[in-house]
C-alpha atoms as a PDB file:
ATOM      1  CA  MET A   1       3.776 -51.462  42.660  1.00  0.00           C
ATOM      2  CA  THR A   2       3.360 -50.841  46.139  1.00  0.00           C
ATOM      3  CA  ARG A   3       6.345 -50.586  48.671  1.00  0.00           C
ATOM      4  CA  GLN A   4       4.978 -53.493  50.759  1.00  0.00           C
ATOM      5  CA  LYS A   5       4.702 -55.842  47.610  1.00  0.00           C
ATOM      6  CA  SER A   6       8.082 -54.737  46.400  1.00  0.00           C
ATOM      7  CA  ASP A   7       9.560 -55.737  50.240  1.00  0.00           C
ATOM      8  CA  GLU A   8       7.783 -59.145  50.122  1.00  0.00           C
ATOM      9  CA  GLN A   9       9.365 -59.922  46.757  1.00  0.00           C
ATOM     10  CA  ARG A  10      12.760 -58.921  47.866  1.00  0.00           C
ATOM     11  CA  LYS A  11      12.305 -61.080  50.964  1.00  0.00           C
ATOM     12  CA  GLN A  12      11.134 -63.978  48.671  1.00  0.00           C
ATOM     13  CA  GLN A  13      14.152 -63.312  46.624  1.00  0.00           C
ATOM     14  CA  ILE A  14      16.493 -63.499  49.711  1.00  0.00           C
ATOM     15  CA  ARG A  15      14.625 -66.668  51.172  1.00  0.00           C
ATOM     16  CA  ASP A  16      14.949 -68.419  47.952  1.00  0.00           C
ATOM     17  CA  ALA A  17      18.671 -67.489  47.688  1.00  0.00           C
ATOM     18  CA  ALA A  18      19.068 -68.633  51.472  1.00  0.00           C
ATOM     19  CA  THR A  19      17.350 -71.886  50.696  1.00  0.00           C
ATOM     20  CA  ARG A  20      19.827 -72.728  48.089  1.00  0.00           C
ATOM     21  CA  CYS A  21      22.709 -71.936  50.330  1.00  0.00           C
ATOM     22  CA  PHE A  22      21.552 -73.617  53.346  1.00  0.00           C
ATOM     23  CA  VAL A  23      20.895 -76.948  51.381  1.00  0.00           C
ATOM     24  CA  ARG A  24      24.312 -76.722  49.673  1.00  0.00           C
ATOM     25  CA  ARG A  25      26.484 -75.619  52.530  1.00  0.00           C
ATOM     26  CA  GLY A  26      24.582 -76.403  55.689  1.00  0.00           C
ATOM     27  CA  PHE A  27      23.234 -74.005  58.132  1.00  0.00           C
ATOM     28  CA  ALA A  28      26.528 -73.428  60.312  1.00  0.00           C
ATOM     29  CA  ALA A  29      28.581 -72.700  57.265  1.00  0.00           C
ATOM     30  CA  THR A  30      26.253 -70.383  55.526  1.00  0.00           C
ATOM     31  CA  ARG A  31      26.945 -66.541  55.968  1.00  0.00           C
ATOM     32  CA  LEU A  32      24.628 -63.703  55.346  1.00  0.00           C
ATOM     33  CA  LEU A  33      27.331 -62.688  52.822  1.00  0.00           C
ATOM     34  CA  ASP A  34      26.950 -66.037  50.988  1.00  0.00           C
ATOM     35  CA  ILE A  35      23.192 -65.435  50.791  1.00  0.00           C
ATOM     36  CA  ALA A  36      23.770 -61.918  49.510  1.00  0.00           C
ATOM     37  CA  ARG A  37      25.755 -62.914  46.851  1.00  0.00           C
ATOM     38  CA  GLU A  38      23.539 -65.785  45.846  1.00  0.00           C
ATOM     39  CA  ALA A  39      20.651 -63.239  45.739  1.00  0.00           C
ATOM     40  CA  GLY A  40      22.755 -60.760  43.601  1.00  0.00           C
ATOM     41  CA  LEU A  41      22.273 -58.227  46.437  1.00  0.00           C
ATOM     42  CA  SER A  42      24.711 -56.129  48.798  1.00  0.00           C
ATOM     43  CA  LYS A  43      24.951 -57.599  52.452  1.00  0.00           C
ATOM     44  CA  GLY A  44      23.404 -54.374  53.561  1.00  0.00           C
ATOM     45  CA  GLY A  45      20.391 -55.411  51.198  1.00  0.00           C
ATOM     46  CA  VAL A  46      19.902 -58.748  53.011  1.00  0.00           C
ATOM     47  CA  TYR A  47      20.631 -57.280  56.329  1.00  0.00           C
ATOM     48  CA  PHE A  48      17.988 -54.533  55.843  1.00  0.00           C
ATOM     49  CA  HIS A  49      15.396 -57.570  55.868  1.00  0.00           C
ATOM     50  CA  TYR A  50      17.118 -60.006  57.972  1.00  0.00           C
ATOM     51  CA  ARG A  51      19.405 -59.051  60.839  1.00  0.00           C
ATOM     52  CA  ALA A  52      20.633 -62.838  61.368  1.00  0.00           C
ATOM     53  CA  LYS A  53      20.641 -66.036  59.409  1.00  0.00           C
ATOM     54  CA  GLU A  54      18.694 -67.746  62.306  1.00  0.00           C
ATOM     55  CA  GLN A  55      15.879 -65.165  61.877  1.00  0.00           C
ATOM     56  CA  LEU A  56      16.014 -65.849  57.970  1.00  0.00           C
ATOM     57  CA  PHE A  57      16.128 -69.821  58.631  1.00  0.00           C
ATOM     58  CA  SER A  58      13.204 -69.401  60.817  1.00  0.00           C
ATOM     59  CA  ASP A  59      11.033 -67.665  58.170  1.00  0.00           C
ATOM     60  CA  ILE A  60      12.032 -70.142  55.600  1.00  0.00           C
ATOM     61  CA  LEU A  61      10.910 -72.934  57.893  1.00  0.00           C
ATOM     62  CA  ASP A  62       7.811 -71.251  58.843  1.00  0.00           C
ATOM     63  CA  ALA A  63       6.956 -70.786  55.125  1.00  0.00           C
ATOM     64  CA  GLN A  64       7.720 -74.524  54.366  1.00  0.00           C
ATOM     65  CA  ILE A  65       5.715 -75.620  57.322  1.00  0.00           C
ATOM     66  CA  ALA A  66       2.606 -73.289  56.291  1.00  0.00           C
ATOM     67  CA  ALA A  67       2.984 -74.780  52.695  1.00  0.00           C
ATOM     68  CA  ILE A  68       3.038 -78.467  53.993  1.00  0.00           C
ATOM     69  CA  GLY A  69       0.093 -77.723  56.291  1.00  0.00           C
ATOM     70  CA  ASN A  70      -1.969 -76.238  53.306  1.00  0.00           C
ATOM     71  CA  ARG A  71      -0.944 -79.328  51.178  1.00  0.00           C
ATOM     72  CA  TRP A  72      -2.149 -81.766  53.899  1.00  0.00           C
ATOM     73  CA  SER A  73      -4.928 -79.970  55.255  1.00  0.00           C
ATOM     74  CA  PHE A  74      -7.824 -81.470  53.165  1.00  0.00           C
ATOM     75  CA  GLU A  75     -10.494 -84.156  53.536  1.00  0.00           C
ATOM     76  CA  PRO A  76      -9.851 -87.034  51.225  1.00  0.00           C
ATOM     77  CA  ALA A  77     -12.776 -88.110  48.830  1.00  0.00           C
ATOM     78  CA  ALA A  78     -15.232 -90.141  50.807  1.00  0.00           C
ATOM     79  CA  ASP A  79     -16.787 -91.589  47.797  1.00  0.00           C
ATOM     80  CA  GLN A  80     -13.523 -93.420  46.595  1.00  0.00           C
ATOM     81  CA  PRO A  81     -12.469 -96.625  48.061  1.00  0.00           C
ATOM     82  CA  ALA A  82      -9.804 -96.154  50.769  1.00  0.00           C
ATOM     83  CA  GLU A  83      -7.288 -98.151  48.546  1.00  0.00           C
ATOM     84  CA  THR A  84      -7.822 -95.952  45.812  1.00  0.00           C
ATOM     85  CA  THR A  85      -7.280 -92.690  48.013  1.00  0.00           C
ATOM     86  CA  LEU A  86      -4.113 -94.143  49.521  1.00  0.00           C
ATOM     87  CA  ARG A  87      -2.705 -94.987  46.413  1.00  0.00           C
ATOM     88  CA  HIS A  88      -3.231 -91.373  45.066  1.00  0.00           C
ATOM     89  CA  LEU A  89      -1.977 -89.789  48.266  1.00  0.00           C
ATOM     90  CA  LEU A  90       1.235 -91.644  48.690  1.00  0.00           C
ATOM     91  CA  ARG A  91       2.047 -91.256  44.771  1.00  0.00           C
ATOM     92  CA  ALA A  92       1.514 -87.545  45.164  1.00  0.00           C
ATOM     93  CA  HIS A  93       3.589 -87.350  48.304  1.00  0.00           C
ATOM     94  CA  LEU A  94       6.501 -89.262  46.771  1.00  0.00           C
ATOM     95  CA  GLN A  95       6.207 -87.246  43.502  1.00  0.00           C
ATOM     96  CA  THR A  96       6.414 -84.070  45.537  1.00  0.00           C
ATOM     97  CA  VAL A  97       9.556 -85.278  47.136  1.00  0.00           C
ATOM     98  CA  GLU A  98      11.250 -85.916  43.905  1.00  0.00           C
ATOM     99  CA  ASP A  99       9.957 -82.856  42.064  1.00  0.00           C
ATOM    100  CA  ASN A 100      10.973 -80.393  44.825  1.00  0.00           C
ATOM    101  CA  PRO A 101      14.535 -81.274  45.483  1.00  0.00           C
ATOM    102  CA  ASP A 102      15.443 -78.133  47.592  1.00  0.00           C
ATOM    103  CA  GLU A 103      12.419 -78.608  49.659  1.00  0.00           C
ATOM    104  CA  THR A 104      13.391 -82.210  50.295  1.00  0.00           C
ATOM    105  CA  ARG A 105      17.016 -81.293  51.012  1.00  0.00           C
ATOM    106  CA  LEU A 106      15.681 -78.557  53.548  1.00  0.00           C
ATOM    107  CA  THR A 107      13.502 -80.796  55.120  1.00  0.00           C
ATOM    108  CA  ASN A 108      16.366 -83.452  55.700  1.00  0.00           C
ATOM    109  CA  LEU A 109      18.439 -80.475  57.155  1.00  0.00           C
ATOM    110  CA  LEU A 110      15.704 -79.670  59.552  1.00  0.00           C
ATOM    111  CA  VAL A 111      15.734 -83.357  60.744  1.00  0.00           C
ATOM    112  CA  SER A 112      19.399 -83.231  61.472  1.00  0.00           C
ATOM    113  CA  MET A 113      19.041 -79.869  63.471  1.00  0.00           C
ATOM    114  CA  ALA A 114      15.928 -81.089  65.352  1.00  0.00           C
ATOM    115  CA  VAL A 115      18.040 -83.414  67.365  1.00  0.00           C
ATOM    116  CA  GLN A 116      19.465 -80.253  69.315  1.00  0.00           C
ATOM    117  CA  GLU A 117      17.133 -77.529  68.702  1.00  0.00           C
ATOM    118  CA  ALA A 118      13.688 -77.584  70.423  1.00  0.00           C
ATOM    119  CA  GLU A 119      12.385 -74.921  68.163  1.00  0.00           C
ATOM    120  CA  PHE A 120      13.106 -77.019  64.927  1.00  0.00           C
ATOM    121  CA  ARG A 121      11.674 -80.201  66.588  1.00  0.00           C
ATOM    122  CA  SER A 122       8.543 -78.252  67.313  1.00  0.00           C
ATOM    123  CA  LYS A 123       8.219 -77.191  63.481  1.00  0.00           C
ATOM    124  CA  LEU A 124       9.081 -80.564  62.260  1.00  0.00           C
ATOM    125  CA  GLU A 125       6.296 -82.131  64.340  1.00  0.00           C
ATOM    126  CA  GLN A 126       3.638 -79.640  62.965  1.00  0.00           C
ATOM    127  CA  ALA A 127       4.444 -81.161  59.477  1.00  0.00           C
ATOM    128  CA  LEU A 128       4.694 -84.722  60.682  1.00  0.00           C
ATOM    129  CA  THR A 129       1.443 -84.441  62.479  1.00  0.00           C
ATOM    130  CA  ALA A 130      -0.614 -83.233  59.488  1.00  0.00           C
ATOM    131  CA  MET A 131       0.871 -85.909  57.353  1.00  0.00           C
ATOM    132  CA  ARG A 132       0.287 -88.670  59.935  1.00  0.00           C
ATOM    133  CA  SER A 133      -3.235 -87.491  60.554  1.00  0.00           C
ATOM    134  CA  LEU A 134      -4.306 -87.809  56.795  1.00  0.00           C
ATOM    135  CA  TYR A 135      -2.529 -91.005  56.251  1.00  0.00           C
ATOM    136  CA  ALA A 136      -4.026 -92.583  59.438  1.00  0.00           C
ATOM    137  CA  GLY A 137      -7.515 -91.448  58.766  1.00  0.00           C
ATOM    138  CA  VAL A 138      -7.446 -93.110  55.313  1.00  0.00           C
ATOM    139  CA  ILE A 139      -5.905 -96.295  56.800  1.00  0.00           C
ATOM    140  CA  GLU A 140      -8.690 -96.433  59.428  1.00  0.00           C
ATOM    141  CA  ARG A 141     -11.291 -96.263  56.734  1.00  0.00           C
ATOM    142  CA  GLY A 142      -9.625 -99.170  54.756  1.00  0.00           C
ATOM    143  CA  ILE A 143      -9.694-101.259  57.769  1.00  0.00           C
ATOM    144  CA  ARG A 144     -13.258-100.765  58.252  1.00  0.00           C
ATOM    145  CA  GLU A 145     -13.780-101.382  54.587  1.00  0.00           C
ATOM    146  CA  GLY A 146     -11.840-104.554  54.847  1.00  0.00           C
ATOM    147  CA  VAL A 147      -9.408-103.891  52.330  1.00  0.00           C
ATOM    148  CA  PHE A 148      -6.436-103.182  54.734  1.00  0.00           C
ATOM    149  CA  ARG A 149      -5.244-105.665  57.471  1.00  0.00           C
ATOM    150  CA  ALA A 150      -6.344-104.804  61.230  1.00  0.00           C
ATOM    151  CA  GLY A 151      -3.761-102.694  63.144  1.00  0.00           C
ATOM    152  CA  ASP A 152      -3.112 -99.493  64.677  1.00  0.00           C
ATOM    153  CA  PRO A 153      -3.873 -96.847  61.918  1.00  0.00           C
ATOM    154  CA  THR A 154      -1.523 -94.220  63.468  1.00  0.00           C
ATOM    155  CA  ALA A 155       1.257 -96.625  63.719  1.00  0.00           C
ATOM    156  CA  LEU A 156       0.754 -97.956  60.277  1.00  0.00           C
ATOM    157  CA  ALA A 157       0.868 -94.232  59.098  1.00  0.00           C
ATOM    158  CA  GLN A 158       4.085 -93.597  60.843  1.00  0.00           C
ATOM    159  CA  VAL A 159       5.593 -96.694  58.956  1.00  0.00           C
ATOM    160  CA  ILE A 160       4.663 -95.144  55.661  1.00  0.00           C
ATOM    161  CA  LEU A 161       6.037 -91.678  56.798  1.00  0.00           C
ATOM    162  CA  ALA A 162       9.426 -93.278  57.861  1.00  0.00           C
ATOM    163  CA  LEU A 163       9.719 -95.093  54.409  1.00  0.00           C
ATOM    164  CA  VAL A 164       9.054 -91.902  52.424  1.00  0.00           C
ATOM    165  CA  GLN A 165      11.516 -89.959  54.766  1.00  0.00           C
ATOM    166  CA  GLY A 166      14.080 -92.523  54.130  1.00  0.00           C
ATOM    167  CA  LEU A 167      13.625 -92.436  50.467  1.00  0.00           C
ATOM    168  CA  GLY A 168      13.712 -88.609  50.704  1.00  0.00           C
ATOM    169  CA  ALA A 169      17.027 -88.744  52.635  1.00  0.00           C
ATOM    170  CA  HIS A 170      18.335 -90.700  49.496  1.00  0.00           C
ATOM    171  CA  ALA A 171      16.926 -88.243  47.157  1.00  0.00           C
ATOM    172  CA  ALA A 172      18.452 -85.569  49.108  1.00  0.00           C
ATOM    173  CA  LEU A 173      21.799 -87.030  48.217  1.00  0.00           C
ATOM    174  CA  ASP A 174      21.299 -87.503  44.575  1.00  0.00           C
ATOM    175  CA  SER A 175      22.568 -84.626  42.384  1.00  0.00           C
ATOM    176  CA  ASN A 176      19.108 -84.454  40.605  1.00  0.00           C
ATOM    177  CA  GLY A 177      16.930 -85.138  43.669  1.00  0.00           C
ATOM    178  CA  LYS A 178      15.840 -88.438  42.206  1.00  0.00           C
ATOM    179  CA  LEU A 179      14.250 -91.235  44.371  1.00  0.00           C
ATOM    180  CA  PRO A 180      16.259 -94.325  44.608  1.00  0.00           C
ATOM    181  CA  LEU A 181      13.022 -96.418  43.666  1.00  0.00           C
ATOM    182  CA  ARG A 182      10.142 -95.969  41.022  1.00  0.00           C
ATOM    183  CA  VAL A 183       7.400 -94.158  42.658  1.00  0.00           C
ATOM    184  CA  ASP A 184       4.860 -96.643  41.380  1.00  0.00           C
ATOM    185  CA  ASP A 185       6.942 -99.670  42.801  1.00  0.00           C
ATOM    186  CA  VAL A 186       6.853 -98.022  46.096  1.00  0.00           C
ATOM    187  CA  VAL A 187       3.331 -97.340  46.206  1.00  0.00           C
ATOM    188  CA  ASP A 188       2.628-101.053  45.096  1.00  0.00           C
ATOM    189  CA  ASP A 189       4.811-102.364  48.025  1.00  0.00           C
ATOM    190  CA  VAL A 190       3.144-100.284  50.609  1.00  0.00           C
ATOM    191  CA  MET A 191      -0.336-101.399  49.310  1.00  0.00           C
ATOM    192  CA  GLN A 192       0.698-105.058  49.513  1.00  0.00           C
ATOM    193  CA  MET A 193       2.061-104.512  53.089  1.00  0.00           C
ATOM    194  CA  LEU A 194      -1.248-103.102  54.065  1.00  0.00           C
ATOM    195  CA  SER A 195      -3.584-105.501  52.113  1.00  0.00           C
ATOM    196  CA  SER A 196      -5.987-107.791  54.055  1.00  0.00           C
ATOM    197  CA  ARG A 197      -5.473-110.239  51.454  1.00  0.00           C
ATOM    198  CA  VAL A 198      -1.711-111.089  52.269  1.00  0.00           C
ATOM    199  CA  GLU A 199      -1.356-114.807  52.897  1.00  0.00           C
ATOM    200  CA  PRO A 200       0.359-115.554  56.248  1.00  0.00           C
ATOM    201  CA  ALA A 201       4.212-116.336  55.951  1.00  0.00           C
ATOM    202  CA  GLY A 202       4.777-120.054  55.041  1.00  0.00           C
ATOM    203  CA  ALA A 203       1.341-120.512  53.726  1.00  0.00           C
ATOM    204  CA  THR A 204       1.054-122.710  50.465  1.00  0.00           C
ATOM    205  CA  SER A 205      -1.925-122.525  48.441  1.00  0.00           C
ATOM    206  CA  GLY A 206      -3.975-125.745  48.207  1.00  0.00           C
ATOM    207  CA  ALA A 207      -1.959-127.504  51.036  1.00  0.00           C
ATOM    208  CA  ASN A 208      -3.646-129.036  54.073  1.00  0.00           C
END
């Protein structure tokens, strides 16, 4: 094993331990000593790679933002109806929130810290921009196909993101990281909201 590979594996070990500490204790309450203990290392072993927890937290966020960017930087299949594509996209998004509780909790921690930290706001916006763009593109195609109601695709995409983030906040509070609603039920509700076939409020079938 090369020295470079060994160092990277050790840094990943430290990042994994730090993520668990940050989501469990919060950023302010976490010390490098806590991270070292969680990783099964000496404080010096952590300090060799990371001189401050701010540097470590930033490294973790950069890795997470890169992973989110890779996850969302693709072109949806153009040969599928927009309705089908959006169902798959939203279901996968919600399932990822539930299947990766530490990532979900870290994202919620980033949201809370972004209020006062411009650097964290910038990193969060990178992730949200990628998600919003992908959702908006599919919604715009659905509007052209006539299956989604007319509206601003970006605004509708923002509504979906707000819903997912709200559910993610609930999942972050759950000891097992579970969403408060069934994924398929959420997907059905979103599709109904967007559908061009929804009757206006107060409409009654067959009434004149």
